[in-house]
Amino acid sequence: MKLSNTLTAQLDDPRLFRQHAYVNGKWTHGDGGREETVYDPATGEAIGYIPWLEAHQIREAVDAADAAFAHWRALRADERCERLLAWYDLLQANREDLATIMTLEQGKPLPDARGEVEYGASFVRWFAEEGKRTFGETIPSHIPNAALGTLKEPVGIAALITPWNFPLAMITRKAAAAMAAGCTVVVKPAGETPFSALALAELAERAGIPAGVFNVVLGEPAEVSKILCAEERVKALSFTGSTRVGRLLLEQSASTVKRVSLELGGNAPFIVGPDMDPKEAALAAVAAKFQTAGQDCLAANRILVHESIHDEFVEHFAERMAALTVGNGLESEIDLGPLIHRQAVDKAAAIVDDAISRGATLVAGDQTQAPGENFFMPVLLTGVTPQMKVWREENFAPVAGVTAYRDDDEVIAMANDTEYGLAAYVYTHDIRRIWKLLRALEYGMVSVNSVKMTGPPVPFGGVKQSGLGREGGITGIDEYLETKYYCLGALGSVSGS
C-alpha cells in the first residue's frame, strides 16, 4: 500500500489522506492482505489503495463500538455536544482539503465538493445542539399516587452504510445524529469513495471523539453488510442507496429486529404548470436535473410540462443545457464532472438507446464530445412515455426526459406512476394548483418553485419504496433513540392495572 503523490501533493494537510480502516481509534490494515484500488473517475488514475478487512475484523469494530458505548452514553448531552462541535470546527477548517479529496475520488466539480463539505458539517453542528433537546415527557397520571413519564435513551451501536455520490454528507447526517443521541457507530463507506470517510475519522480523533465511538470499516460490500445485519449488538442500521439493496438489508436485519432507516431511490417528477414562464422553469429544471451530473436521488428524472408551453420550454432547456461545461472537476468553471465509473456510462447509454427505440426524440446529447471514457454528455429527450426505462428507472445520469400533459389530474397520475416516492418539484404560481398538487403527490418531500429543498432542519426521506424513516430535522435523531416509559408509584400504595 502506498501514498498517491497526485492526491497528497494537493493537500495542505497530507495526514487527511488515509489508506487504512479506522477501528477503536487505530488505523488498521486487512489481515488477509486483500486491498482495492481507488480511481479518479475523471482520469482513470489510481489515487490510492484501501484494505478489505476480514470478517473477524468487522466484528472487532463492533467489539470496539460495544466497549465504548457505556462511557459515551454516560456523558452529559452537553459534553457530547462539545466534542461534536470540535469536530464541526475541524471540518470547516479543513474544508479545502476535504473538497479536494472528494473531487478526486468522486469526480464532482470542486465548488460542488466545497458545498458538500459545508452541507455535511452543518449536520454535525445541528445534531450537536439537537442532542441537548432529546426531552422525555411528563404524562398526567391515571394511577393514584403515581408519577408517569418517559425518558429518551440511545439504542446502542448503529451501523451506517453510505453511498458514493455524497461521500461526506451522507456520513455526517447519520453519524452526528447517532453520536449526539449517545450511540456509537460503525461506518461502511462506498468502496469507490472511502477517503472522505477516513478523513472524517482523522478529524474525529483530533476533535477528541473517544476510541471506539466512530469506526470506519472497509471491505466487500455484501460481506460487510451481512455481518453487520446479523450482529445482535448492532441495534440500528441506516442505509442510503438503491431500493434493491435496501430491500435486501431489510430482510437481513429482520432476524435481529433492528431499528432500520432507509433512504433509497428516487424518480422525481418536475411539474411545470401552464402559468409558468417557460424560460424560468427551464432554467430551474436544468439545475434540478444535472446536479452531481444527475447522480443524485433528488435529481429531476421525469420533466412534465403543460402542453401549452411544452415546445418553448424544450427550446430554453436545450439552450441552457448546451451551455453546461463537462470536464475534470479540478478544472475551473466545470458544471458536470464524470460519472462514477464506466458501468454508469454504459447504463446511461442503454437508457437513451431504449428511449429512442421506443419512439422518444433525441433533441441533444452528442457523446462524441465526451472528454473521457467515464464522461457522459447531457442528454435531452422528448416524447418520453411510461414504457421507457428513462421513465421507470432512477437513471442516475445526466439524461433528461420531457413529457407533455393536458391537465392537473393527468399530471398527478403521471407523477405518481412509480414505485418511488422521495421528492417532487412543482413550478406554478397558481395557489390552488399548488395546494392540489402538494396534497395529491405521493412523495415524502415536495418543493414548490425552488430547486433547493434540503438542509439540517429538514426531515429528509421518502414514502413507498423510497425508504423508511427520516434524516435531519428534529426527527432525525429519533432514529437512534428509544422511548422508555416509567411509572413511579408512592411507597406503600397498592398498585393496580
Protein backbone atom coordinates (compact mmCIF):
# COMPACT_ATOMS: atom_id res chain seq x y z
CA MET A 1 0.00 0.00 0.00
CA LYS A 2 1.43 3.37 -0.97
CA LEU A 3 0.51 7.02 -0.94
CA SER A 4 -0.74 8.81 -4.02
CA ASN A 5 1.59 11.66 -4.90
CA THR A 6 -1.16 13.11 -7.10
CA LEU A 7 -3.51 13.46 -4.15
CA THR A 8 -1.21 14.26 -1.23
CA ALA A 9 0.64 16.93 -3.21
CA GLN A 10 -2.62 18.87 -3.46
CA LEU A 11 -3.39 18.81 0.27
CA ASP A 12 -2.33 21.34 2.87
CA ASP A 13 -2.50 18.53 5.41
CA PRO A 14 -1.48 15.19 3.82
CA ARG A 15 -2.42 13.37 7.06
CA LEU A 16 -6.04 13.68 6.00
CA PHE A 17 -5.39 11.13 3.26
CA ARG A 18 -5.54 7.73 4.95
CA GLN A 19 -5.33 4.29 3.35
CA HIS A 20 -6.31 2.17 6.34
CA ALA A 21 -9.55 1.32 8.08
CA TYR A 22 -10.16 3.01 11.42
CA VAL A 23 -11.17 0.73 14.31
CA ASN A 24 -11.07 1.51 18.03
CA GLY A 25 -9.02 4.65 17.47
CA LYS A 26 -6.35 2.84 15.45
CA TRP A 27 -5.51 2.74 11.74
CA THR A 28 -5.94 -0.85 10.66
CA HIS A 29 -4.83 -2.89 7.64
CA GLY A 30 -6.51 -6.04 6.38
CA ASP A 31 -5.28 -9.30 7.91
CA GLY A 32 -5.92 -11.19 4.69
CA GLY A 33 -3.80 -8.93 2.51
CA ARG A 34 -6.71 -8.02 0.25
CA GLU A 35 -6.84 -4.46 -1.00
CA GLU A 36 -8.76 -2.43 -3.53
CA THR A 37 -7.57 0.34 -5.81
CA VAL A 38 -9.47 3.63 -5.77
CA TYR A 39 -9.52 5.56 -9.05
CA ASP A 40 -10.09 9.16 -10.05
CA PRO A 41 -13.14 8.78 -12.33
CA ALA A 42 -12.09 11.81 -14.37
CA THR A 43 -8.65 10.50 -15.34
CA GLY A 44 -8.74 6.79 -14.56
CA GLU A 45 -5.61 7.26 -12.46
CA ALA A 46 -5.19 5.25 -9.27
CA ILE A 47 -5.25 7.70 -6.37
CA GLY A 48 -4.88 5.24 -3.53
CA TYR A 49 -5.50 1.82 -2.05
CA ILE A 50 -7.68 0.54 0.77
CA PRO A 51 -7.62 -2.73 2.70
CA TRP A 52 -10.52 -5.12 2.70
CA LEU A 53 -10.99 -6.26 6.26
CA GLU A 54 -11.66 -9.86 7.15
CA ALA A 55 -14.87 -10.95 8.88
CA HIS A 56 -13.25 -11.10 12.31
CA GLN A 57 -12.01 -7.52 11.88
CA ILE A 58 -15.51 -6.30 11.15
CA ARG A 59 -16.62 -7.97 14.37
CA GLU A 60 -13.70 -6.32 16.17
CA ALA A 61 -15.11 -2.97 15.08
CA VAL A 62 -18.42 -3.96 16.66
CA ASP A 63 -16.49 -5.04 19.79
CA ALA A 64 -14.88 -1.59 19.92
CA ALA A 65 -18.20 0.20 19.48
CA ASP A 66 -19.73 -2.01 22.15
CA ALA A 67 -16.93 -1.30 24.63
CA ALA A 68 -17.10 2.45 24.00
CA PHE A 69 -20.89 2.66 24.27
CA ALA A 70 -21.20 2.64 28.06
CA HIS A 71 -18.85 5.60 28.51
CA TRP A 72 -20.16 7.59 25.54
CA ARG A 73 -23.82 7.27 26.55
CA ALA A 74 -22.96 8.19 30.14
CA LEU A 75 -21.56 11.56 29.12
CA ARG A 76 -23.86 14.51 29.62
CA ALA A 77 -25.51 15.69 26.42
CA ASP A 78 -23.58 18.96 26.58
CA GLU A 79 -20.29 17.05 26.86
CA ARG A 80 -21.08 15.10 23.69
CA CYS A 81 -22.13 18.40 22.12
CA GLU A 82 -18.72 19.94 22.84
CA ARG A 83 -16.89 17.09 21.11
CA LEU A 84 -19.18 17.20 18.10
CA LEU A 85 -18.74 20.97 17.81
CA ALA A 86 -14.98 20.49 17.90
CA TRP A 87 -15.40 18.03 15.02
CA TYR A 88 -17.52 20.62 13.19
CA ASP A 89 -14.82 23.28 13.62
CA LEU A 90 -12.20 20.94 12.17
CA LEU A 91 -14.39 20.13 9.18
CA GLN A 92 -14.71 23.83 8.46
CA ALA A 93 -11.00 24.49 8.98
CA ASN A 94 -10.05 21.71 6.56
CA ARG A 95 -12.79 22.35 4.00
CA GLU A 96 -10.44 22.82 1.05
CA ASP A 97 -8.55 19.58 1.64
CA LEU A 98 -11.78 17.65 2.20
CA ALA A 99 -13.22 19.06 -1.03
CA THR A 100 -10.08 18.13 -2.97
CA ILE A 101 -10.20 14.55 -1.68
CA MET A 102 -13.86 14.34 -2.62
CA THR A 103 -13.37 15.65 -6.15
CA LEU A 104 -10.50 13.26 -6.81
CA GLU A 105 -12.38 10.16 -5.64
CA GLN A 106 -15.94 11.08 -6.69
CA GLY A 107 -15.45 13.45 -9.63
CA LYS A 108 -17.84 16.29 -8.76
CA PRO A 109 -16.64 19.83 -9.55
CA LEU A 110 -14.59 21.40 -6.78
CA PRO A 111 -17.18 24.12 -5.99
CA ASP A 112 -19.81 21.39 -5.53
CA ALA A 113 -17.42 19.47 -3.28
CA ARG A 114 -16.84 22.55 -1.16
CA GLY A 115 -20.60 22.93 -0.89
CA GLU A 116 -20.94 19.33 0.25
CA VAL A 117 -18.33 19.80 2.97
CA GLU A 118 -20.28 22.82 4.21
CA TYR A 119 -23.52 20.85 3.96
CA GLY A 120 -22.05 17.85 5.76
CA ALA A 121 -20.56 19.98 8.54
CA SER A 122 -23.91 21.67 9.08
CA PHE A 123 -25.42 18.35 10.21
CA VAL A 124 -22.70 17.94 12.84
CA ARG A 125 -23.49 21.36 14.28
CA TRP A 126 -27.26 20.77 14.06
CA PHE A 127 -27.23 17.44 15.87
CA ALA A 128 -24.64 18.59 18.40
CA GLU A 129 -27.26 21.08 19.56
CA GLU A 130 -30.23 18.77 18.98
CA GLY A 131 -28.68 16.19 21.31
CA LYS A 132 -29.31 18.58 24.18
CA ARG A 133 -33.02 18.66 23.35
CA THR A 134 -33.89 14.96 23.47
CA PHE A 135 -36.59 15.56 26.02
CA GLY A 136 -38.81 12.97 27.61
CA GLU A 137 -42.38 13.72 28.64
CA THR A 138 -44.41 14.00 31.80
CA ILE A 139 -47.67 12.07 31.46
CA PRO A 140 -50.72 13.09 33.53
CA SER A 141 -51.27 10.06 35.73
CA HIS A 142 -54.41 7.93 35.68
CA ILE A 143 -52.91 5.85 38.51
CA PRO A 144 -53.41 7.12 42.09
CA ASN A 145 -50.24 8.29 43.86
CA ALA A 146 -48.02 7.68 40.82
CA ALA A 147 -45.88 9.80 38.52
CA LEU A 148 -45.70 8.78 34.86
CA GLY A 149 -43.27 9.85 32.18
CA THR A 150 -40.77 8.91 29.50
CA LEU A 151 -37.02 9.04 29.01
CA LYS A 152 -35.07 9.07 25.74
CA GLU A 153 -32.18 6.63 25.64
CA PRO A 154 -29.69 5.69 22.87
CA VAL A 155 -30.49 2.47 21.04
CA GLY A 156 -26.88 1.25 21.09
CA ILE A 157 -24.48 0.58 18.23
CA ALA A 158 -25.54 1.97 14.86
CA ALA A 159 -24.26 0.58 11.56
CA LEU A 160 -24.16 3.21 8.84
CA ILE A 161 -23.82 2.16 5.19
CA THR A 162 -23.29 5.14 2.89
CA PRO A 163 -23.15 5.81 -0.88
CA TRP A 164 -20.53 7.25 -3.22
CA ASN A 165 -22.48 10.20 -4.63
CA PHE A 166 -22.30 12.23 -1.40
CA PRO A 167 -19.37 10.56 0.35
CA LEU A 168 -19.06 13.01 3.25
CA ALA A 169 -22.50 14.47 3.92
CA MET A 170 -24.30 11.12 3.98
CA ILE A 171 -21.96 10.04 6.78
CA THR A 172 -22.28 13.17 8.90
CA ARG A 173 -26.06 13.27 8.52
CA LYS A 174 -26.25 9.80 10.04
CA ALA A 175 -23.25 9.70 12.38
CA ALA A 176 -23.80 13.09 14.00
CA ALA A 177 -27.40 12.18 14.82
CA ALA A 178 -26.42 8.79 16.24
CA MET A 179 -23.47 10.12 18.24
CA ALA A 180 -25.44 13.07 19.61
CA ALA A 181 -28.05 10.58 20.83
CA GLY A 182 -25.33 8.67 22.69
CA CYS A 183 -24.81 5.84 20.20
CA THR A 184 -21.51 4.56 18.88
CA VAL A 185 -21.18 3.91 15.15
CA VAL A 186 -19.60 1.58 12.61
CA VAL A 187 -19.45 3.27 9.20
CA LYS A 188 -19.15 1.33 5.95
CA PRO A 189 -18.49 3.86 3.14
CA ALA A 190 -18.74 3.04 -0.55
CA GLY A 191 -15.61 1.39 -1.92
CA GLU A 192 -15.44 3.97 -4.71
CA THR A 193 -15.17 6.86 -2.24
CA PRO A 194 -13.55 5.73 1.04
CA PHE A 195 -11.13 8.57 1.57
CA SER A 196 -13.73 11.16 2.59
CA ALA A 197 -14.88 8.81 5.35
CA LEU A 198 -11.31 8.19 6.51
CA ALA A 199 -10.60 11.92 6.58
CA LEU A 200 -13.68 12.29 8.80
CA ALA A 201 -12.22 9.66 11.13
CA GLU A 202 -8.90 11.52 11.31
CA LEU A 203 -10.69 14.74 12.25
CA ALA A 204 -12.97 12.97 14.73
CA GLU A 205 -9.89 11.70 16.54
CA ARG A 206 -8.40 15.20 16.63
CA ALA A 207 -11.71 16.51 17.98
CA GLY A 208 -11.47 14.23 20.99
CA ILE A 209 -14.08 11.68 19.96
CA PRO A 210 -13.10 8.67 22.12
CA ALA A 211 -11.74 5.47 20.57
CA GLY A 212 -14.50 3.10 19.50
CA VAL A 213 -17.18 5.76 19.12
CA PHE A 214 -16.57 6.38 15.40
CA ASN A 215 -15.25 3.40 13.41
CA VAL A 216 -14.76 3.05 9.64
CA VAL A 217 -14.64 -0.44 8.14
CA LEU A 218 -13.75 -1.32 4.57
CA GLY A 219 -14.42 -4.49 2.64
CA GLU A 220 -16.56 -6.35 0.16
CA PRO A 221 -19.99 -4.68 0.48
CA ALA A 222 -22.18 -7.78 0.63
CA GLU A 223 -19.87 -9.46 3.13
CA VAL A 224 -19.65 -6.47 5.46
CA SER A 225 -23.37 -5.69 5.37
CA LYS A 226 -24.27 -9.32 6.05
CA ILE A 227 -22.10 -9.34 9.17
CA LEU A 228 -23.45 -6.03 10.45
CA CYS A 229 -27.07 -7.06 9.83
CA ALA A 230 -26.62 -10.39 11.61
CA GLU A 231 -24.77 -8.91 14.58
CA GLU A 232 -27.16 -8.75 17.54
CA ARG A 233 -25.21 -5.99 19.27
CA VAL A 234 -25.86 -3.68 16.33
CA LYS A 235 -29.22 -2.20 17.29
CA ALA A 236 -29.77 0.24 14.41
CA LEU A 237 -28.98 0.18 10.70
CA SER A 238 -29.08 3.24 8.46
CA PHE A 239 -28.54 2.86 4.73
CA THR A 240 -28.55 5.24 1.79
CA GLY A 241 -28.51 3.64 -1.64
CA SER A 242 -30.61 1.75 -4.14
CA THR A 243 -34.03 0.34 -3.40
CA ARG A 244 -32.84 -3.11 -4.47
CA VAL A 245 -30.07 -3.17 -1.85
CA GLY A 246 -32.35 -1.56 0.73
CA ARG A 247 -34.83 -4.41 0.41
CA LEU A 248 -32.02 -6.93 0.91
CA LEU A 249 -30.70 -5.17 4.03
CA LEU A 250 -34.21 -5.00 5.47
CA GLU A 251 -34.54 -8.76 5.00
CA GLN A 252 -31.13 -9.42 6.55
CA SER A 253 -31.93 -7.25 9.57
CA ALA A 254 -35.23 -9.00 10.30
CA SER A 255 -33.67 -11.82 12.32
CA THR A 256 -32.27 -9.36 14.86
CA VAL A 257 -35.23 -6.92 14.67
CA LYS A 258 -33.05 -3.85 14.22
CA ARG A 259 -34.16 -0.26 14.08
CA VAL A 260 -33.82 0.25 10.32
CA SER A 261 -33.85 3.56 8.43
CA LEU A 262 -33.53 3.54 4.66
CA GLU A 263 -33.03 6.42 2.24
CA LEU A 264 -33.49 4.71 -1.10
CA GLY A 265 -34.02 5.53 -4.74
CA GLY A 266 -35.92 8.40 -6.27
CA ASN A 267 -37.67 9.12 -9.54
CA ALA A 268 -38.55 12.76 -9.04
CA PRO A 269 -41.14 14.45 -11.25
CA PHE A 270 -40.62 18.09 -12.17
CA ILE A 271 -44.06 19.53 -12.90
CA VAL A 272 -44.39 22.80 -14.83
CA GLY A 273 -47.79 24.49 -14.77
CA PRO A 274 -49.31 26.36 -17.75
CA ASP A 275 -48.93 29.72 -15.99
CA MET A 276 -45.14 29.49 -15.69
CA ASP A 277 -42.62 31.45 -17.71
CA PRO A 278 -41.12 28.67 -19.88
CA LYS A 279 -37.60 30.10 -19.66
CA GLU A 280 -37.70 30.47 -15.88
CA ALA A 281 -38.98 26.93 -15.48
CA ALA A 282 -36.43 25.52 -17.94
CA LEU A 283 -33.50 27.09 -16.07
CA ALA A 284 -34.77 25.62 -12.82
CA ALA A 285 -35.30 22.20 -14.42
CA VAL A 286 -31.74 22.13 -15.74
CA ALA A 287 -30.45 22.88 -12.24
CA ALA A 288 -32.68 20.18 -10.72
CA LYS A 289 -31.69 17.56 -13.29
CA PHE A 290 -27.94 17.95 -13.63
CA GLN A 291 -26.76 18.44 -10.05
CA THR A 292 -23.97 15.93 -9.33
CA ALA A 293 -24.10 15.03 -13.06
CA GLY A 294 -27.56 13.56 -12.44
CA GLN A 295 -26.16 11.13 -9.84
CA ASP A 296 -28.50 12.35 -7.14
CA CYS A 297 -31.61 10.77 -5.65
CA LEU A 298 -33.26 14.21 -5.79
CA ALA A 299 -32.46 14.75 -9.48
CA ALA A 300 -35.47 15.58 -11.66
CA ASN A 301 -35.95 12.38 -13.64
CA ARG A 302 -39.30 12.99 -15.34
CA ILE A 303 -39.97 16.55 -16.51
CA LEU A 304 -43.71 17.03 -17.02
CA VAL A 305 -44.62 20.24 -18.87
CA HIS A 306 -48.05 21.56 -19.73
CA GLU A 307 -48.71 21.14 -23.44
CA SER A 308 -49.37 24.88 -23.93
CA ILE A 309 -45.74 25.79 -23.14
CA HIS A 310 -44.00 22.49 -23.94
CA ASP A 311 -42.20 23.50 -27.13
CA GLU A 312 -40.93 26.80 -25.79
CA PHE A 313 -39.80 25.10 -22.57
CA VAL A 314 -37.83 22.49 -24.55
CA GLU A 315 -36.16 25.22 -26.59
CA HIS A 316 -34.96 27.06 -23.49
CA PHE A 317 -33.95 23.82 -21.76
CA ALA A 318 -31.82 22.76 -24.72
CA GLU A 319 -30.19 26.18 -24.90
CA ARG A 320 -29.26 26.18 -21.21
CA MET A 321 -28.13 22.56 -21.31
CA ALA A 322 -25.82 23.31 -24.22
CA ALA A 323 -24.06 25.92 -22.09
CA LEU A 324 -23.09 23.38 -19.42
CA THR A 325 -19.37 22.57 -19.34
CA VAL A 326 -18.32 18.96 -18.85
CA GLY A 327 -14.84 18.11 -17.60
CA ASN A 328 -12.46 17.29 -14.78
CA GLY A 329 -13.87 18.67 -11.55
CA LEU A 330 -10.50 20.13 -10.55
CA GLU A 331 -10.56 22.47 -13.52
CA SER A 332 -12.22 25.87 -13.30
CA GLU A 333 -15.75 26.63 -14.50
CA ILE A 334 -16.83 22.99 -14.78
CA ASP A 335 -20.54 22.25 -14.36
CA LEU A 336 -20.58 18.46 -14.71
CA GLY A 337 -17.87 16.02 -13.77
CA PRO A 338 -17.61 12.37 -14.81
CA LEU A 339 -19.91 9.54 -13.86
CA ILE A 340 -18.53 7.33 -11.11
CA HIS A 341 -17.31 4.55 -13.43
CA ARG A 342 -17.66 3.08 -16.89
CA GLN A 343 -20.61 0.89 -15.93
CA ALA A 344 -22.59 4.03 -15.14
CA VAL A 345 -21.80 5.39 -18.59
CA ASP A 346 -22.92 2.16 -20.21
CA LYS A 347 -26.17 2.21 -18.22
CA ALA A 348 -26.87 5.81 -19.27
CA ALA A 349 -26.26 4.94 -22.91
CA ALA A 350 -28.60 1.95 -22.65
CA ILE A 351 -31.36 4.11 -21.17
CA VAL A 352 -31.04 6.61 -24.01
CA ASP A 353 -30.99 3.86 -26.65
CA ASP A 354 -34.07 2.25 -25.11
CA ALA A 355 -35.99 5.55 -25.18
CA ILE A 356 -35.11 6.24 -28.82
CA SER A 357 -36.03 2.70 -29.84
CA ARG A 358 -39.46 3.22 -28.23
CA GLY A 359 -40.16 6.48 -30.02
CA ALA A 360 -38.53 9.27 -28.00
CA THR A 361 -36.77 12.10 -29.83
CA LEU A 362 -33.13 12.87 -29.07
CA VAL A 363 -33.02 16.67 -29.00
CA ALA A 364 -29.43 17.00 -27.79
CA GLY A 365 -26.63 14.85 -26.41
CA ASP A 366 -23.63 14.15 -28.65
CA GLN A 367 -21.50 11.59 -26.85
CA THR A 368 -18.59 12.05 -29.27
CA GLN A 369 -17.90 15.28 -27.37
CA ALA A 370 -17.30 13.47 -24.07
CA PRO A 371 -13.84 14.37 -22.71
CA GLY A 372 -13.10 10.90 -21.35
CA GLU A 373 -14.42 7.36 -21.07
CA ASN A 374 -16.25 7.99 -17.77
CA PHE A 375 -17.97 11.13 -19.02
CA PHE A 376 -21.48 11.32 -20.40
CA MET A 377 -22.66 14.42 -22.17
CA PRO A 378 -26.04 15.83 -21.03
CA VAL A 379 -28.97 14.38 -22.95
CA LEU A 380 -32.43 15.83 -23.64
CA LEU A 381 -35.20 13.53 -24.79
CA THR A 382 -38.78 14.47 -25.67
CA GLY A 383 -41.81 12.29 -26.21
CA VAL A 384 -40.92 10.16 -23.19
CA THR A 385 -43.59 7.59 -22.26
CA PRO A 386 -44.13 5.23 -19.29
CA GLN A 387 -42.93 2.25 -21.33
CA MET A 388 -39.37 3.61 -21.42
CA LYS A 389 -36.60 2.92 -18.91
CA VAL A 390 -35.94 6.63 -18.59
CA TRP A 391 -39.44 6.94 -17.12
CA ARG A 392 -39.50 3.81 -14.96
CA GLU A 393 -35.96 3.72 -13.57
CA GLU A 394 -33.85 6.06 -11.47
CA ASN A 395 -31.36 6.77 -14.23
CA PHE A 396 -28.64 8.37 -12.04
CA ALA A 397 -27.16 10.06 -15.11
CA PRO A 398 -27.40 13.41 -16.95
CA VAL A 399 -30.36 12.21 -19.01
CA ALA A 400 -33.44 14.44 -19.03
CA GLY A 401 -36.78 13.23 -20.37
CA VAL A 402 -39.63 15.65 -21.10
CA THR A 403 -43.30 14.72 -21.45
CA ALA A 404 -46.29 16.96 -22.20
CA TYR A 405 -49.51 16.77 -20.17
CA ARG A 406 -53.03 18.24 -20.53
CA ASP A 407 -54.37 19.00 -17.06
CA ASP A 408 -53.70 18.69 -13.33
CA ASP A 409 -55.43 15.35 -12.88
CA GLU A 410 -53.40 13.81 -15.66
CA VAL A 411 -50.08 15.11 -14.35
CA ILE A 412 -50.84 13.88 -10.84
CA ALA A 413 -51.44 10.39 -12.20
CA MET A 414 -48.28 10.60 -14.30
CA ALA A 415 -46.15 11.82 -11.39
CA ASN A 416 -47.41 9.09 -9.06
CA ASP A 417 -46.86 6.36 -11.65
CA THR A 418 -43.74 4.96 -9.99
CA GLU A 419 -42.73 2.72 -7.11
CA TYR A 420 -40.61 5.58 -5.78
CA GLY A 421 -41.76 8.45 -3.59
CA LEU A 422 -38.80 10.52 -2.43
CA ALA A 423 -39.08 14.05 -3.84
CA ALA A 424 -41.13 16.05 -6.33
CA TYR A 425 -40.80 19.55 -7.80
CA VAL A 426 -43.74 21.80 -8.67
CA TYR A 427 -43.40 25.02 -10.64
CA THR A 428 -46.52 27.17 -10.79
CA HIS A 429 -47.79 30.42 -9.27
CA ASP A 430 -51.42 29.28 -9.01
CA ILE A 431 -52.08 28.73 -5.30
CA ARG A 432 -55.00 26.39 -5.99
CA ARG A 433 -52.81 24.23 -8.21
CA ILE A 434 -50.00 24.32 -5.65
CA TRP A 435 -52.25 23.08 -2.87
CA LYS A 436 -53.87 20.41 -5.03
CA LEU A 437 -50.52 19.00 -6.16
CA LEU A 438 -48.96 19.32 -2.73
CA ARG A 439 -51.64 17.10 -1.22
CA ALA A 440 -52.03 14.66 -4.13
CA LEU A 441 -48.39 13.88 -4.89
CA GLU A 442 -47.23 10.64 -3.22
CA TYR A 443 -43.82 11.87 -2.13
CA GLY A 444 -42.11 12.47 1.17
CA MET A 445 -40.85 15.88 0.05
CA VAL A 446 -42.39 18.42 -2.33
CA SER A 447 -40.53 21.56 -3.34
CA VAL A 448 -42.56 24.39 -4.86
CA ASN A 449 -40.77 26.94 -7.06
CA SER A 450 -37.38 26.07 -5.59
CA VAL A 451 -34.67 23.63 -6.64
CA LYS A 452 -33.01 23.71 -3.23
CA MET A 453 -35.01 21.84 -0.60
CA THR A 454 -32.57 20.14 1.80
CA GLY A 455 -30.63 21.18 4.88
CA PRO A 456 -30.14 20.31 8.57
CA PRO A 457 -33.64 21.38 9.75
CA VAL A 458 -35.37 19.29 7.05
CA PRO A 459 -36.91 15.84 7.74
CA PHE A 460 -35.36 14.17 4.69
CA GLY A 461 -36.96 10.95 3.48
CA GLY A 462 -39.47 9.28 1.21
CA VAL A 463 -42.56 7.12 1.04
CA LYS A 464 -43.44 3.96 -0.90
CA GLN A 465 -40.22 2.19 -1.91
CA SER A 466 -38.05 5.26 -1.42
CA GLY A 467 -37.39 4.34 2.17
CA LEU A 468 -38.23 4.27 5.85
CA GLY A 469 -37.68 6.95 8.47
CA ARG A 470 -36.29 10.47 8.22
CA GLU A 471 -32.85 12.05 8.42
CA GLY A 472 -32.20 15.59 9.59
CA GLY A 473 -34.59 17.91 11.35
CA ILE A 474 -35.94 17.32 14.82
CA THR A 475 -36.98 13.79 13.83
CA GLY A 476 -33.57 12.66 12.56
CA ILE A 477 -32.17 11.93 16.00
CA ASP A 478 -35.23 9.82 16.88
CA GLU A 479 -33.93 7.05 14.61
CA TYR A 480 -31.25 6.44 17.27
CA LEU A 481 -33.34 6.84 20.44
CA GLU A 482 -35.63 4.53 22.36
CA THR A 483 -38.54 5.84 24.43
CA LYS A 484 -38.54 4.35 27.92
CA TYR A 485 -41.75 4.72 29.93
CA TYR A 486 -41.65 4.88 33.71
CA CYS A 487 -44.25 4.68 36.46
CA LEU A 488 -43.16 5.91 39.89
CA GLY A 489 -45.63 4.72 42.50
CA ALA A 490 -45.69 6.01 46.07
CA LEU A 491 -44.24 3.56 48.61
CA GLY A 492 -46.92 1.68 50.43
CA SER A 493 -49.58 2.28 47.79
CA VAL A 494 -51.48 -0.57 46.23
CA SER A 495 -50.70 -0.80 42.55
CA GLY A 496 -53.33 -1.73 40.03
CA SER A 497 -53.72 -2.23 36.32
